[in-house]
C-alpha atoms as a PDB file:
ATOM      1  CA  UNK A   1      17.241  -7.369 -86.382  1.00  0.00           C
ATOM      2  CA  UNK A   2      20.807  -7.903 -84.911  1.00  0.00           C
ATOM      3  CA  UNK A   3      23.568 -10.144 -86.358  1.00  0.00           C
ATOM      4  CA  UNK A   4      25.956 -11.736 -83.962  1.00  0.00           C
ATOM      5  CA  UNK A   5      29.072 -13.613 -84.888  1.00  0.00           C
ATOM      6  CA  UNK A   6      28.856 -16.754 -82.661  1.00  0.00           C
ATOM      7  CA  UNK A   7      31.267 -19.415 -81.639  1.00  0.00           C
ATOM      8  CA  UNK A   8      30.418 -22.810 -80.343  1.00  0.00           C
ATOM      9  CA  UNK A   9      32.362 -24.863 -77.829  1.00  0.00           C
ATOM     10  CA  UNK A  10      34.279 -26.727 -80.643  1.00  0.00           C
ATOM     11  CA  UNK A  11      35.318 -23.163 -81.973  1.00  0.00           C
ATOM     12  CA  UNK A  12      33.135 -23.075 -85.079  1.00  0.00           C
ATOM     13  CA  UNK A  13      32.293 -19.611 -86.023  1.00  0.00           C
ATOM     14  CA  UNK A  14      28.792 -18.746 -87.602  1.00  0.00           C
ATOM     15  CA  UNK A  15      26.524 -15.914 -87.871  1.00  0.00           C
ATOM     16  CA  UNK A  16      22.947 -15.632 -86.304  1.00  0.00           C
ATOM     17  CA  UNK A  17      20.217 -13.092 -86.771  1.00  0.00           C
ATOM     18  CA  UNK A  18      17.990 -12.113 -83.917  1.00  0.00           C
ATOM     19  CA  UNK A  19      15.180  -9.727 -83.140  1.00  0.00           C
ATOM     20  CA  UNK A  20      17.061  -8.427 -80.189  1.00  0.00           C
ATOM     21  CA  UNK A  21      19.673  -8.966 -77.628  1.00  0.00           C
ATOM     22  CA  UNK A  22      17.045 -10.279 -75.301  1.00  0.00           C
ATOM     23  CA  UNK A  23      15.783 -12.744 -78.045  1.00  0.00           C
ATOM     24  CA  UNK A  24      19.197 -14.210 -78.442  1.00  0.00           C
ATOM     25  CA  UNK A  25      19.669 -14.754 -74.709  1.00  0.00           C
ATOM     26  CA  UNK A  26      16.373 -16.377 -74.373  1.00  0.00           C
ATOM     27  CA  UNK A  27      16.819 -18.798 -77.243  1.00  0.00           C
ATOM     28  CA  UNK A  28      20.407 -19.566 -76.171  1.00  0.00           C
ATOM     29  CA  UNK A  29      19.059 -20.256 -72.704  1.00  0.00           C
ATOM     30  CA  UNK A  30      16.630 -22.720 -74.023  1.00  0.00           C
ATOM     31  CA  UNK A  31      19.265 -24.459 -76.248  1.00  0.00           C
ATOM     32  CA  UNK A  32      17.621 -23.216 -79.430  1.00  0.00           C
ATOM     33  CA  UNK A  33      20.903 -21.596 -80.770  1.00  0.00           C
ATOM     34  CA  UNK A  34      23.047 -24.377 -82.302  1.00  0.00           C
ATOM     35  CA  UNK A  35      26.066 -24.700 -84.294  1.00  0.00           C
ATOM     36  CA  UNK A  36      25.151 -25.562 -87.915  1.00  0.00           C
ATOM     37  CA  UNK A  37      28.430 -27.397 -88.173  1.00  0.00           C
ATOM     38  CA  UNK A  38      28.263 -29.799 -85.196  1.00  0.00           C
ATOM     39  CA  UNK A  39      25.058 -29.058 -83.680  1.00  0.00           C
ATOM     40  CA  UNK A  40      26.485 -27.885 -80.182  1.00  0.00           C
ATOM     41  CA  UNK A  41      24.223 -25.747 -78.010  1.00  0.00           C
ATOM     42  CA  UNK A  42      27.164 -24.415 -76.084  1.00  0.00           C
ATOM     43  CA  UNK A  43      27.199 -21.106 -78.073  1.00  0.00           C
ATOM     44  CA  UNK A  44      28.643 -17.765 -77.018  1.00  0.00           C
ATOM     45  CA  UNK A  45      28.768 -14.360 -78.853  1.00  0.00           C
ATOM     46  CA  UNK A  46      32.146 -13.873 -80.527  1.00  0.00           C
ATOM     47  CA  UNK A  47      34.243 -10.751 -80.577  1.00  0.00           C
ATOM     48  CA  UNK A  48      32.890  -8.552 -83.506  1.00  0.00           C
ATOM     49  CA  UNK A  49      33.150  -5.116 -84.833  1.00  0.00           C
ATOM     50  CA  UNK A  50      29.913  -3.235 -85.208  1.00  0.00           C
ATOM     51  CA  UNK A  51      28.427  -2.448 -88.781  1.00  0.00           C
ATOM     52  CA  UNK A  52      27.357   1.090 -89.258  1.00  0.00           C
ATOM     53  CA  UNK A  53      24.315   1.308 -91.543  1.00  0.00           C
ATOM     54  CA  UNK A  54      24.560   3.825 -94.432  1.00  0.00           C
ATOM     55  CA  UNK A  55      21.142   5.147 -95.142  1.00  0.00           C
ATOM     56  CA  UNK A  56      18.589   2.468 -96.290  1.00  0.00           C
ATOM     57  CA  UNK A  57      21.391   0.102 -97.283  1.00  0.00           C
ATOM     58  CA  UNK A  58      21.174  -1.875 -94.212  1.00  0.00           C
ATOM     59  CA  UNK A  59      17.964  -3.819 -95.165  1.00  0.00           C
ATOM     60  CA  UNK A  60      18.947  -4.504 -98.808  1.00  0.00           C
ATOM     61  CA  UNK A  61      21.162  -7.729 -98.243  1.00  0.00           C
ATOM     62  CA  UNK A  62      18.495  -9.397 -96.107  1.00  0.00           C
ATOM     63  CA  UNK A  63      15.757  -8.325 -98.562  1.00  0.00           C
ATOM     64  CA  UNK A  64      17.729  -9.726-101.495  1.00  0.00           C
ATOM     65  CA  UNK A  65      18.294 -12.968 -99.598  1.00  0.00           C
ATOM     66  CA  UNK A  66      14.614 -13.333 -98.470  1.00  0.00           C
ATOM     67  CA  UNK A  67      13.628 -12.787-102.139  1.00  0.00           C
ATOM     68  CA  UNK A  68      15.982 -15.462-103.391  1.00  0.00           C
ATOM     69  CA  UNK A  69      15.125 -18.051-100.855  1.00  0.00           C
ATOM     70  CA  UNK A  70      11.189 -17.422-101.241  1.00  0.00           C
ATOM     71  CA  UNK A  71      11.625 -17.682-105.053  1.00  0.00           C
ATOM     72  CA  UNK A  72      14.090 -20.730-105.237  1.00  0.00           C
ATOM     73  CA  UNK A  73      13.379 -22.869-102.173  1.00  0.00           C
ATOM     74  CA  UNK A  74      10.207 -24.684-101.057  1.00  0.00           C
ATOM     75  CA  UNK A  75       8.772 -23.386 -97.717  1.00  0.00           C
ATOM     76  CA  UNK A  76       7.991 -26.586 -95.640  1.00  0.00           C
ATOM     77  CA  UNK A  77       7.092 -24.842 -92.265  1.00  0.00           C
ATOM     78  CA  UNK A  78       7.546 -27.104 -89.182  1.00  0.00           C
ATOM     79  CA  UNK A  79       8.207 -30.103 -91.392  1.00  0.00           C
ATOM     80  CA  UNK A  80      11.736 -28.859 -91.893  1.00  0.00           C
ATOM     81  CA  UNK A  81      13.532 -31.606 -90.118  1.00  0.00           C
ATOM     82  CA  UNK A  82      11.475 -34.430 -91.526  1.00  0.00           C
ATOM     83  CA  UNK A  83      11.640 -32.999 -95.112  1.00  0.00           C
ATOM     84  CA  UNK A  84      15.464 -32.637 -94.861  1.00  0.00           C
ATOM     85  CA  UNK A  85      15.756 -36.253 -93.805  1.00  0.00           C
ATOM     86  CA  UNK A  86      13.578 -37.401 -96.619  1.00  0.00           C
ATOM     87  CA  UNK A  87      15.732 -35.584 -99.000  1.00  0.00           C
ATOM     88  CA  UNK A  88      18.902 -36.810 -97.592  1.00  0.00           C
ATOM     89  CA  UNK A  89      17.482 -40.518 -97.609  1.00  0.00           C
ATOM     90  CA  UNK A  90      16.215 -40.225-101.298  1.00  0.00           C
ATOM     91  CA  UNK A  91      12.649 -40.255-100.284  1.00  0.00           C
ATOM     92  CA  UNK A  92      11.778 -36.852-101.475  1.00  0.00           C
ATOM     93  CA  UNK A  93      12.830 -34.903-104.397  1.00  0.00           C
ATOM     94  CA  UNK A  94      16.392 -33.225-103.954  1.00  0.00           C
ATOM     95  CA  UNK A  95      15.663 -29.258-103.821  1.00  0.00           C
ATOM     96  CA  UNK A  96      16.338 -26.478-101.328  1.00  0.00           C
ATOM     97  CA  UNK A  97      13.903 -26.074 -98.564  1.00  0.00           C
ATOM     98  CA  UNK A  98      13.490 -23.656 -95.667  1.00  0.00           C
ATOM     99  CA  UNK A  99      11.125 -23.825 -92.536  1.00  0.00           C
ATOM    100  CA  UNK A 100      11.354 -23.951 -88.829  1.00  0.00           C
ATOM    101  CA  UNK A 101      13.057 -26.504 -86.635  1.00  0.00           C
ATOM    102  CA  UNK A 102      13.662 -26.824 -82.995  1.00  0.00           C
ATOM    103  CA  UNK A 103      17.098 -26.662 -81.393  1.00  0.00           C
ATOM    104  CA  UNK A 104      16.973 -30.417 -80.754  1.00  0.00           C
ATOM    105  CA  UNK A 105      16.071 -31.184 -84.293  1.00  0.00           C
ATOM    106  CA  UNK A 106      19.071 -29.039 -85.652  1.00  0.00           C
ATOM    107  CA  UNK A 107      21.413 -30.836 -83.373  1.00  0.00           C
ATOM    108  CA  UNK A 108      20.104 -34.127 -84.615  1.00  0.00           C
ATOM    109  CA  UNK A 109      20.434 -33.117 -88.159  1.00  0.00           C
ATOM    110  CA  UNK A 110      23.883 -32.009 -87.751  1.00  0.00           C
ATOM    111  CA  UNK A 111      24.905 -35.134 -85.972  1.00  0.00           C
ATOM    112  CA  UNK A 112      23.555 -37.001 -88.895  1.00  0.00           C
ATOM    113  CA  UNK A 113      25.573 -35.029 -91.348  1.00  0.00           C
ATOM    114  CA  UNK A 114      22.613 -32.997 -92.766  1.00  0.00           C
ATOM    115  CA  UNK A 115      23.759 -29.426 -93.434  1.00  0.00           C
ATOM    116  CA  UNK A 116      21.516 -26.647 -92.132  1.00  0.00           C
ATOM    117  CA  UNK A 117      21.883 -22.887 -91.678  1.00  0.00           C
ATOM    118  CA  UNK A 118      19.984 -20.198 -89.807  1.00  0.00           C
ATOM    119  CA  UNK A 119      18.121 -17.582 -91.660  1.00  0.00           C
ATOM    120  CA  UNK A 120      17.769 -14.005 -90.609  1.00  0.00           C
ATOM    121  CA  UNK A 121      14.114 -14.114 -91.289  1.00  0.00           C
ATOM    122  CA  UNK A 122      11.007 -16.128 -90.830  1.00  0.00           C
ATOM    123  CA  UNK A 123       7.905 -16.445 -93.019  1.00  0.00           C
ATOM    124  CA  UNK A 124       5.921 -13.196 -93.620  1.00  0.00           C
ATOM    125  CA  UNK A 125       2.727 -15.003 -92.979  1.00  0.00           C
ATOM    126  CA  UNK A 126       1.787 -18.634 -92.339  1.00  0.00           C
ATOM    127  CA  UNK A 127       2.550 -20.377 -95.637  1.00  0.00           C
ATOM    128  CA  UNK A 128       1.514 -23.797 -96.745  1.00  0.00           C
END
């Protein structure tokens, strides 16, 4: 996994995690990398200092984040956008959720004031 500090056209900075530099470029070219604050798909890598891993420390923050998300949030899979809208509208229980969404879905959620954030991992297996 590689972490990039990203900046959108509106100058919002955020981090994104990708399997490789090629994966980032492919997702960006398709418009699937979007600013979680404004939904802009005009995203570039920001200037950043490399992080040097110290032994097996490098995976621990992501592993801790994964454990916390998996234990405290409901996995909703590809229903993420519709479930987030249902929670925002009061039609579903207010709770933390995680899942997958397209770049277009993320842009629409951001336009509607629904906060989303990218995660540096996906599900280990298909979860239901």
